Amino acid sequence: MMGYGTGLGGGLGGMLWVLGCIVLIVGLVVLVAWAVSRAAAHDHGARGPAERTEALDILRARFARGEISEAEYTQAANVLRSGR
């Protein structure tokens, strides 16, 4: 049978279709990898220096208001500074 082509449209249109599919698949793989790495970092409780500083500020305020003793403050501050 003549004139039916390859099924991909042939020529430049066919190449663009294949290239578009490859770009879409690579984009989806990158998106999934990014989402998984972000979820893994969130699940492990990764805390940056800013979060530790904020926690220490709250701890200092509680100590200043007399809500916790000096021993409790010292113990909690050491834990926060060590990153545990």
Protein backbone atom coordinates (compact mmCIF):
# COMPACT_ATOMS: atom_id res chain seq x y z
CA MET A 1 0.00 0.00 0.00
CA MET A 2 1.39 3.31 -0.97
CA GLY A 3 1.12 6.74 0.56
CA TYR A 4 0.44 5.86 4.19
CA GLY A 5 3.82 6.93 5.61
CA THR A 6 5.39 5.73 8.83
CA GLY A 7 2.61 6.71 11.20
CA LEU A 8 4.62 9.49 12.90
CA GLY A 9 3.87 12.10 10.30
CA GLY A 10 7.34 11.84 8.77
CA GLY A 11 9.73 14.69 8.18
CA LEU A 12 10.13 17.62 10.54
CA GLY A 13 6.69 17.21 12.14
CA GLY A 14 7.49 13.66 13.19
CA MET A 15 10.84 14.66 14.67
CA LEU A 16 9.23 17.48 16.65
CA TRP A 17 6.62 15.05 17.99
CA VAL A 18 9.33 12.62 19.19
CA LEU A 19 11.42 15.47 20.66
CA GLY A 20 8.35 16.81 22.48
CA CYS A 21 7.66 13.40 24.00
CA ILE A 22 11.27 13.05 25.16
CA VAL A 23 11.20 16.52 26.76
CA LEU A 24 7.92 15.67 28.50
CA ILE A 25 9.27 12.39 29.90
CA VAL A 26 12.52 13.98 31.10
CA GLY A 27 10.55 16.82 32.70
CA LEU A 28 8.32 14.37 34.56
CA VAL A 29 11.33 12.41 35.82
CA VAL A 30 12.99 15.62 37.07
CA LEU A 31 9.76 16.73 38.76
CA VAL A 32 9.32 13.40 40.54
CA ALA A 33 12.97 13.36 41.67
CA TRP A 34 12.64 16.90 43.03
CA ALA A 35 9.42 16.06 44.89
CA VAL A 36 10.92 12.91 46.43
CA SER A 37 14.08 14.69 47.58
CA ARG A 38 12.04 17.52 49.08
CA ALA A 39 9.75 15.09 50.90
CA ALA A 40 12.73 13.11 52.20
CA ALA A 41 14.38 16.25 53.59
CA HIS A 42 11.11 17.28 55.24
CA ASP A 43 10.54 13.83 56.76
CA HIS A 44 13.98 13.71 58.36
CA GLY A 45 13.25 16.89 60.27
CA ALA A 46 16.11 18.73 58.66
CA ARG A 47 16.42 22.00 60.50
CA GLY A 48 18.51 24.86 59.30
CA PRO A 49 20.32 27.45 61.39
CA ALA A 50 17.40 29.88 61.15
CA GLU A 51 15.01 27.39 62.74
CA ARG A 52 17.46 26.66 65.56
CA THR A 53 17.91 30.38 66.19
CA GLU A 54 14.15 30.85 66.34
CA ALA A 55 13.85 27.97 68.81
CA LEU A 56 16.60 29.47 70.97
CA ASP A 57 14.81 32.83 70.92
CA ILE A 58 11.61 31.18 72.15
CA LEU A 59 13.58 29.34 74.83
CA ARG A 60 15.21 32.60 76.00
CA ALA A 61 11.81 34.29 76.19
CA ARG A 62 10.36 31.44 78.27
CA PHE A 63 13.33 31.63 80.63
CA ALA A 64 12.98 35.41 80.90
CA ARG A 65 9.29 35.06 81.80
CA GLY A 66 10.15 32.52 84.48
CA GLU A 67 8.31 29.66 82.79
CA ILE A 68 11.38 27.38 82.99
CA SER A 69 14.25 27.09 85.42
CA GLU A 70 17.90 27.80 84.63
CA ALA A 71 18.66 24.07 84.58
CA GLU A 72 15.85 23.42 82.10
CA TYR A 73 17.00 26.36 79.97
CA THR A 74 20.61 25.15 79.93
CA GLN A 75 19.66 21.58 79.08
CA ALA A 76 17.28 22.62 76.27
CA ALA A 77 19.75 25.16 74.86
CA ASN A 78 22.49 22.52 74.72
CA VAL A 79 20.19 20.15 72.84
CA LEU A 80 19.22 22.86 70.34
CA ARG A 81 22.82 23.93 69.78
CA SER A 82 23.98 20.35 69.21
CA GLY A 83 21.34 19.87 66.51
CA ARG A 84 19.80 16.74 67.99
